[in-house]
Amino acid sequence: MKIDHVHFYVEDAKVWRDWFVHHLAFQTVGDRTTSFHTCTEVVKSGDVCFFLSSPLLPTSPVAEFLRQYPPGVADVAFAVEDVEGAIALAQMHGAKILQPIQERHIGTASLKCGKIAAWGGLTHTLIERSLVICPSSFVTNTNDNTFTAIDHVVLNVAVGELARAVTWYEKILDFQPQQAFKIKTNRSALHSQVMISRNGSVQLPINEPASKNSQIQEFLDVNRGPGIQHIALRTTNLVSAIAKFRASNLSLLSVPQTYYTQLKQRPGLPLSPLELEAIAQQEILVDWQEYTPVGTQQTAPLLLQIFTQPIFEQPTFFFEFIERRFQAQGFGEGNFRALFEAIESEQIKRGTLQ
């Protein structure tokens, strides 16, 4: 299993196509589709592929979605080896089948796909294909790809639903639980459970609020239900990418410089002073495994992460950009806490957290 593509439902697909191209250096794909009721644009970077759909008529499924939820992720599509088996497993465990398996032919390629309901307005399309969905031959601008893959997708669910969501992904899609986090500050808290596909290619952290004023609760209130909070895009040179994004006026979460003073006090910092200065200039979060034996700090697994402001009008969906060095796996608790505190600062500015 792997993520095939992510489908956003937005008010104007062409505007958001241009946003991805301008701000994140995505490339447009030439095989975009438009039906009589829905306009769909496709953008990609490396193996990352996004569909962007907007309504042309009130009868569009996108219009129906936008009447219930703000713009955001409507579907996370998974490529699977055996779609019949995947749909049968989902059905056996009580998943709602929204679209039975259909077979389509696109040129010489063929695909079989079905769709199941997930949490809130989120759905999962399951796809068995003989050709990737965004073939490079259709890309109009073949620049160097900024991103290599979707690193993870984060789902927010209501208080008390975390255990149910974990069980659902275990039974329906054969995911396995990995790291668990309980993040708490003086103001708010959340619980999180990372789920991972059996082949390790898909990581899905699931969050629930652990306090009434949690940023997860704010998301649920504004989103009018569970949904995808953010998507992490992996890159091989985060400092360079963020410098480029800042030049395009992309809005990013701020990190105080005191954060980097504290970093220097942690044992085994696996960065040269010059590297740390460049990272601090771009306000990137840093985390590493402190238990790495003495003498091997320069190859300690290292996570570099940074987060955008919410990209839509409401404080719901945002992007994360991540670089993993020296086979870094999972999620660093230090970065998780730093993100939580940074979003708390934005909540205070909005007046939603006292």
Protein backbone atom coordinates (compact mmCIF):
# COMPACT_ATOMS: atom_id res chain seq x y z
CA MET A 1 0.00 0.00 0.00
CA LYS A 2 1.04 3.59 -0.66
CA ILE A 3 -0.65 6.96 -1.03
CA ASP A 4 -1.73 7.31 -4.65
CA HIS A 5 -3.03 10.88 -4.47
CA VAL A 6 -4.86 13.31 -2.19
CA HIS A 7 -8.05 15.03 -3.36
CA PHE A 8 -8.83 18.56 -2.16
CA TYR A 9 -12.31 20.07 -2.50
CA VAL A 10 -11.98 23.84 -2.94
CA GLU A 11 -14.03 26.79 -4.15
CA ASP A 12 -11.86 27.48 -7.24
CA ALA A 13 -9.62 24.70 -8.57
CA LYS A 14 -7.72 26.94 -11.00
CA VAL A 15 -6.84 29.45 -8.28
CA TRP A 16 -5.47 26.66 -6.08
CA ARG A 17 -3.62 25.06 -9.00
CA ASP A 18 -1.80 28.37 -9.43
CA TRP A 19 -1.21 28.61 -5.66
CA PHE A 20 0.58 25.24 -5.62
CA VAL A 21 2.66 26.18 -8.65
CA HIS A 22 3.63 29.62 -7.34
CA HIS A 23 4.16 28.90 -3.64
CA LEU A 24 5.33 25.26 -3.59
CA ALA A 25 6.87 24.85 -7.08
CA PHE A 26 4.44 22.08 -8.05
CA GLN A 27 3.97 21.28 -11.72
CA THR A 28 0.66 21.21 -13.57
CA VAL A 29 -0.43 17.96 -15.16
CA GLY A 30 -1.86 18.01 -18.67
CA ASP A 31 -4.55 15.36 -18.20
CA ARG A 32 -6.85 17.44 -16.00
CA THR A 33 -10.52 16.52 -16.18
CA THR A 34 -13.64 18.65 -16.15
CA SER A 35 -17.16 17.21 -15.98
CA PHE A 36 -20.31 19.24 -16.56
CA HIS A 37 -20.65 19.84 -12.80
CA THR A 38 -17.06 19.76 -11.48
CA CYS A 39 -13.72 21.24 -12.52
CA THR A 40 -10.64 19.21 -11.52
CA GLU A 41 -7.00 20.29 -11.80
CA VAL A 42 -4.01 18.05 -11.05
CA VAL A 43 -0.62 19.16 -9.70
CA LYS A 44 2.43 17.10 -8.76
CA SER A 45 5.94 17.24 -7.34
CA GLY A 46 8.00 14.05 -7.39
CA ASP A 47 5.69 11.25 -6.26
CA VAL A 48 3.30 13.74 -4.62
CA CYS A 49 0.07 14.12 -6.58
CA PHE A 50 -2.86 16.36 -5.62
CA PHE A 51 -6.28 16.59 -7.25
CA LEU A 52 -8.04 19.94 -6.82
CA SER A 53 -11.79 20.01 -7.52
CA SER A 54 -14.32 22.84 -7.43
CA PRO A 55 -18.04 22.93 -8.30
CA LEU A 56 -19.39 24.26 -11.58
CA LEU A 57 -23.00 23.58 -10.55
CA PRO A 58 -24.80 23.20 -7.19
CA THR A 59 -25.30 19.52 -8.04
CA SER A 60 -21.54 18.85 -7.90
CA PRO A 61 -20.41 16.50 -5.09
CA VAL A 62 -17.85 19.21 -4.28
CA ALA A 63 -20.64 21.74 -3.74
CA GLU A 64 -22.36 19.28 -1.40
CA PHE A 65 -19.11 18.80 0.55
CA LEU A 66 -18.52 22.57 0.81
CA ARG A 67 -22.03 23.07 2.18
CA GLN A 68 -21.05 20.85 5.12
CA TYR A 69 -17.32 21.53 5.56
CA PRO A 70 -14.79 24.25 4.78
CA PRO A 71 -12.33 23.63 1.90
CA GLY A 72 -9.87 20.84 2.60
CA VAL A 73 -9.01 17.21 2.02
CA ALA A 74 -12.01 15.14 0.95
CA ASP A 75 -10.24 11.92 -0.05
CA VAL A 76 -6.93 10.18 0.59
CA ALA A 77 -6.49 7.56 -2.14
CA PHE A 78 -4.39 4.45 -1.50
CA ALA A 79 -2.79 2.31 -4.18
CA VAL A 80 -3.25 -1.35 -3.27
CA GLU A 81 -2.18 -4.62 -4.88
CA ASP A 82 -5.59 -6.28 -4.67
CA VAL A 83 -8.55 -3.89 -4.61
CA GLU A 84 -11.12 -6.72 -4.50
CA GLY A 85 -9.47 -8.10 -1.39
CA ALA A 86 -9.17 -4.65 0.21
CA ILE A 87 -12.83 -3.79 -0.39
CA ALA A 88 -13.94 -7.25 0.81
CA LEU A 89 -11.93 -6.78 4.04
CA ALA A 90 -13.43 -3.32 4.57
CA GLN A 91 -16.95 -4.61 3.95
CA MET A 92 -16.45 -7.58 6.27
CA HIS A 93 -15.59 -5.20 9.13
CA GLY A 94 -18.55 -2.91 8.53
CA ALA A 95 -17.07 -0.10 6.44
CA LYS A 96 -19.57 1.86 4.37
CA ILE A 97 -18.92 1.25 0.67
CA LEU A 98 -19.58 4.51 -1.16
CA GLN A 99 -18.52 3.28 -4.59
CA PRO A 100 -18.31 -0.40 -5.58
CA ILE A 101 -15.33 -1.49 -7.61
CA GLN A 102 -15.24 0.02 -11.08
CA GLU A 103 -12.76 -0.67 -13.87
CA ARG A 104 -11.55 2.12 -16.13
CA HIS A 105 -9.17 2.25 -19.07
CA ILE A 106 -6.94 5.28 -19.69
CA GLY A 107 -4.99 4.76 -22.91
CA THR A 108 -3.05 1.53 -22.50
CA ALA A 109 -3.42 1.62 -18.73
CA SER A 110 -6.25 0.22 -16.65
CA LEU A 111 -7.34 0.78 -13.09
CA LYS A 112 -9.84 -0.70 -10.67
CA CYS A 113 -11.08 1.45 -7.83
CA GLY A 114 -13.64 1.53 -5.05
CA LYS A 115 -14.36 4.07 -2.33
CA ILE A 116 -15.14 3.74 1.39
CA ALA A 117 -16.34 6.27 3.98
CA ALA A 118 -13.88 7.12 6.74
CA TRP A 119 -14.21 9.84 9.43
CA GLY A 120 -16.40 12.91 9.05
CA GLY A 121 -16.41 13.94 5.39
CA LEU A 122 -13.21 12.01 4.67
CA THR A 123 -13.23 9.09 2.25
CA HIS A 124 -10.60 6.63 1.04
CA THR A 125 -10.42 5.57 -2.59
CA LEU A 126 -8.68 2.21 -3.03
CA ILE A 127 -6.96 1.85 -6.40
CA GLU A 128 -5.34 -1.04 -8.22
CA ARG A 129 -3.60 0.28 -11.30
CA SER A 130 -1.14 -0.66 -14.01
CA LEU A 131 0.19 2.90 -14.36
CA VAL A 132 0.87 5.69 -11.83
CA ILE A 133 -1.78 8.38 -11.70
CA CYS A 134 0.45 11.30 -12.62
CA PRO A 135 2.74 10.00 -15.39
CA SER A 136 5.69 12.32 -15.97
CA SER A 137 4.96 12.48 -19.69
CA PHE A 138 1.89 14.59 -18.91
CA VAL A 139 3.73 17.16 -16.78
CA THR A 140 3.92 20.55 -18.46
CA ASN A 141 6.85 22.03 -16.50
CA THR A 142 9.64 19.53 -15.83
CA ASN A 143 11.59 21.46 -13.18
CA ASP A 144 13.53 19.75 -10.42
CA ASN A 145 11.07 18.23 -7.95
CA THR A 146 11.08 19.93 -4.56
CA PHE A 147 9.32 17.02 -2.86
CA THR A 148 10.03 13.31 -3.03
CA ALA A 149 6.96 11.85 -1.28
CA ILE A 150 4.11 12.35 1.17
CA ASP A 151 5.75 11.55 4.51
CA HIS A 152 2.55 11.34 6.56
CA VAL A 153 -1.06 12.49 6.76
CA VAL A 154 -2.59 13.60 10.08
CA LEU A 155 -6.23 12.96 11.02
CA ASN A 156 -8.04 14.80 13.84
CA VAL A 157 -10.97 13.05 15.54
CA ALA A 158 -13.33 14.07 18.35
CA VAL A 159 -12.63 13.50 22.02
CA GLY A 160 -13.19 9.85 22.92
CA GLU A 161 -12.88 8.68 19.29
CA LEU A 162 -9.13 7.98 19.15
CA ALA A 163 -9.42 4.34 20.24
CA ARG A 164 -12.29 3.75 17.80
CA ALA A 165 -10.35 5.33 14.94
CA VAL A 166 -7.27 3.24 15.74
CA THR A 167 -9.39 0.06 15.71
CA TRP A 168 -11.08 1.13 12.47
CA TYR A 169 -7.78 1.57 10.62
CA GLU A 170 -6.47 -1.69 12.08
CA LYS A 171 -9.47 -3.72 10.91
CA ILE A 172 -10.49 -1.93 7.71
CA LEU A 173 -7.09 -1.10 6.18
CA ASP A 174 -4.76 -3.41 8.14
CA PHE A 175 -2.75 -0.55 9.71
CA GLN A 176 -0.61 -1.13 12.81
CA PRO A 177 -0.13 1.19 15.86
CA GLN A 178 3.33 2.69 16.33
CA GLN A 179 4.33 5.67 18.49
CA ALA A 180 1.86 7.24 20.92
CA PHE A 181 2.11 10.77 22.32
CA LYS A 182 0.48 12.70 25.16
CA ILE A 183 1.38 16.36 24.74
CA LYS A 184 0.37 18.80 27.49
CA THR A 185 1.22 22.41 28.24
CA ASN A 186 -0.10 24.79 30.89
CA ARG A 187 -2.90 25.74 28.49
CA SER A 188 -4.04 22.66 26.56
CA ALA A 189 -3.34 19.04 25.60
CA LEU A 190 -3.75 16.35 22.96
CA HIS A 191 -3.35 12.59 22.60
CA SER A 192 -1.96 11.08 19.40
CA GLN A 193 -1.49 7.57 18.05
CA VAL A 194 0.61 6.96 14.95
CA MET A 195 -0.76 4.29 12.62
CA ILE A 196 1.34 2.74 9.86
CA SER A 197 0.48 0.51 6.92
CA ARG A 198 1.79 -3.04 7.10
CA ASN A 199 4.44 -2.34 4.43
CA GLY A 200 5.52 0.85 6.25
CA SER A 201 4.81 3.16 3.30
CA VAL A 202 1.85 5.04 4.82
CA GLN A 203 2.05 6.85 8.17
CA LEU A 204 -1.18 8.20 9.68
CA PRO A 205 -0.99 9.94 13.06
CA ILE A 206 -4.46 10.33 14.61
CA ASN A 207 -5.05 13.12 17.15
CA GLU A 208 -7.83 13.71 19.66
CA PRO A 209 -8.23 16.70 22.00
CA ALA A 210 -7.33 16.12 25.64
CA SER A 211 -8.62 19.49 26.82
CA LYS A 212 -11.66 21.60 25.91
CA ASN A 213 -9.55 24.42 24.47
CA SER A 214 -7.12 22.16 22.58
CA GLN A 215 -6.04 23.18 19.08
CA ILE A 216 -7.51 19.84 17.97
CA GLN A 217 -10.88 20.89 19.38
CA GLU A 218 -10.58 24.24 17.58
CA PHE A 219 -9.98 22.35 14.32
CA LEU A 220 -13.00 20.10 14.94
CA ASP A 221 -15.21 23.11 15.68
CA VAL A 222 -14.14 25.10 12.62
CA ASN A 223 -14.05 22.04 10.33
CA ARG A 224 -17.46 20.98 11.64
CA GLY A 225 -16.22 17.48 12.31
CA PRO A 226 -13.19 15.16 11.98
CA GLY A 227 -10.81 15.65 9.07
CA ILE A 228 -7.27 15.88 7.79
CA GLN A 229 -5.36 18.50 9.78
CA HIS A 230 -2.13 18.48 7.79
CA ILE A 231 -0.01 16.66 5.22
CA ALA A 232 3.76 16.35 5.56
CA LEU A 233 5.77 16.57 2.34
CA ARG A 234 9.28 15.13 2.34
CA THR A 235 12.23 16.93 0.78
CA THR A 236 15.97 16.22 0.61
CA ASN A 237 17.09 19.81 1.30
CA LEU A 238 14.68 21.57 3.64
CA VAL A 239 16.79 24.71 4.20
CA SER A 240 16.98 25.40 0.47
CA ALA A 241 13.27 24.62 -0.05
CA ILE A 242 12.13 26.93 2.75
CA ALA A 243 14.32 29.78 1.50
CA LYS A 244 12.59 29.40 -1.88
CA PHE A 245 9.13 29.24 -0.28
CA ARG A 246 9.79 32.36 1.81
CA ALA A 247 10.81 34.17 -1.38
CA SER A 248 7.37 33.27 -2.81
CA ASN A 249 5.71 34.79 0.30
CA LEU A 250 4.48 31.49 1.73
CA SER A 251 3.27 32.06 5.32
CA LEU A 252 5.00 29.79 7.84
CA LEU A 253 4.72 29.28 11.59
CA SER A 254 7.26 31.30 13.57
CA VAL A 255 9.83 29.73 15.89
CA PRO A 256 11.46 31.97 18.57
CA GLN A 257 15.25 32.20 18.45
CA THR A 258 15.35 31.08 22.10
CA TYR A 259 14.39 27.65 20.73
CA TYR A 260 17.84 27.38 19.09
CA THR A 261 19.61 28.55 22.26
CA GLN A 262 17.93 25.67 24.07
CA LEU A 263 18.86 23.25 21.26
CA LYS A 264 22.55 23.98 21.80
CA GLN A 265 22.21 22.86 25.42
CA ARG A 266 20.92 19.41 24.46
CA PRO A 267 23.63 16.72 24.39
CA GLY A 268 24.86 15.37 21.05
CA LEU A 269 23.61 18.09 18.70
CA PRO A 270 24.37 16.49 15.29
CA LEU A 271 24.77 19.79 13.42
CA SER A 272 27.73 22.07 12.78
CA PRO A 273 27.42 25.69 13.98
CA LEU A 274 27.11 26.77 10.33
CA GLU A 275 24.28 24.30 9.66
CA LEU A 276 22.43 25.33 12.82
CA GLU A 277 22.73 29.00 11.85
CA ALA A 278 21.16 28.29 8.42
CA ILE A 279 18.39 26.23 10.05
CA ALA A 280 17.72 28.95 12.66
CA GLN A 281 17.55 31.59 9.92
CA GLN A 282 14.73 29.62 8.26
CA GLU A 283 13.08 28.85 11.64
CA ILE A 284 13.14 25.07 11.16
CA LEU A 285 12.52 22.63 14.04
CA VAL A 286 15.23 20.06 14.85
CA ASP A 287 15.01 16.74 16.68
CA TRP A 288 17.36 13.77 16.99
CA GLN A 289 17.91 10.61 18.99
CA GLU A 290 20.03 11.55 21.98
CA TYR A 291 20.78 7.93 22.89
CA THR A 292 23.08 7.50 19.85
CA PRO A 293 26.44 6.20 21.18
CA VAL A 294 29.24 8.71 21.75
CA GLY A 295 31.42 9.12 18.68
CA THR A 296 28.54 8.59 16.20
CA GLN A 297 26.66 11.87 16.77
CA GLN A 298 27.33 13.01 13.21
CA THR A 299 25.16 10.16 11.93
CA ALA A 300 22.45 10.37 14.60
CA PRO A 301 18.97 10.05 13.06
CA LEU A 302 17.82 13.64 12.57
CA LEU A 303 14.41 15.22 11.85
CA LEU A 304 14.02 18.69 10.36
CA GLN A 305 10.45 20.03 10.22
CA ILE A 306 8.58 23.26 9.54
CA PHE A 307 4.89 24.11 9.21
CA THR A 308 2.84 26.57 7.18
CA GLN A 309 0.11 28.77 8.51
CA PRO A 310 -3.37 27.40 7.63
CA ILE A 311 -3.63 27.73 3.84
CA PHE A 312 -7.39 28.31 3.68
CA GLU A 313 -9.40 31.15 5.16
CA GLN A 314 -10.34 29.15 8.26
CA PRO A 315 -7.69 27.79 10.70
CA THR A 316 -7.99 24.18 9.58
CA PHE A 317 -5.59 22.58 7.07
CA PHE A 318 -1.85 23.31 6.85
CA PHE A 319 1.25 21.72 5.34
CA GLU A 320 4.35 20.35 7.02
CA PHE A 321 7.70 20.05 5.25
CA ILE A 322 10.11 17.44 6.55
CA GLU A 323 13.63 16.21 5.93
CA ARG A 324 14.78 12.91 7.43
CA ARG A 325 18.53 12.40 7.75
CA PHE A 326 20.44 9.20 8.55
CA GLN A 327 17.41 6.90 8.36
CA ALA A 328 15.41 8.90 10.89
CA GLN A 329 12.13 7.11 11.53
CA GLY A 330 8.94 8.02 13.32
CA PHE A 331 8.27 11.38 14.97
CA GLY A 332 10.39 13.28 17.46
CA GLU A 333 8.52 14.25 20.63
CA GLY A 334 10.56 17.45 20.90
CA ASN A 335 9.35 18.64 17.51
CA PHE A 336 5.80 17.49 18.26
CA ARG A 337 5.77 19.63 21.42
CA ALA A 338 7.37 22.60 19.63
CA LEU A 339 4.67 22.42 16.92
CA PHE A 340 1.95 22.19 19.57
CA GLU A 341 3.30 25.28 21.32
CA ALA A 342 3.67 27.20 18.04
CA ILE A 343 0.02 26.50 17.15
CA GLU A 344 -0.97 27.54 20.68
CA SER A 345 0.69 30.91 20.01
CA GLU A 346 -1.45 31.29 16.87
CA GLN A 347 -4.56 30.34 18.88
CA ILE A 348 -3.76 33.10 21.37
CA LYS A 349 -3.47 35.59 18.50
CA ARG A 350 -6.87 34.47 17.20
CA GLY A 351 -8.36 34.79 20.68
CA THR A 352 -9.40 31.12 20.85
CA LEU A 353 -7.00 30.20 23.67
CA GLN A 354 -6.66 32.14 26.93
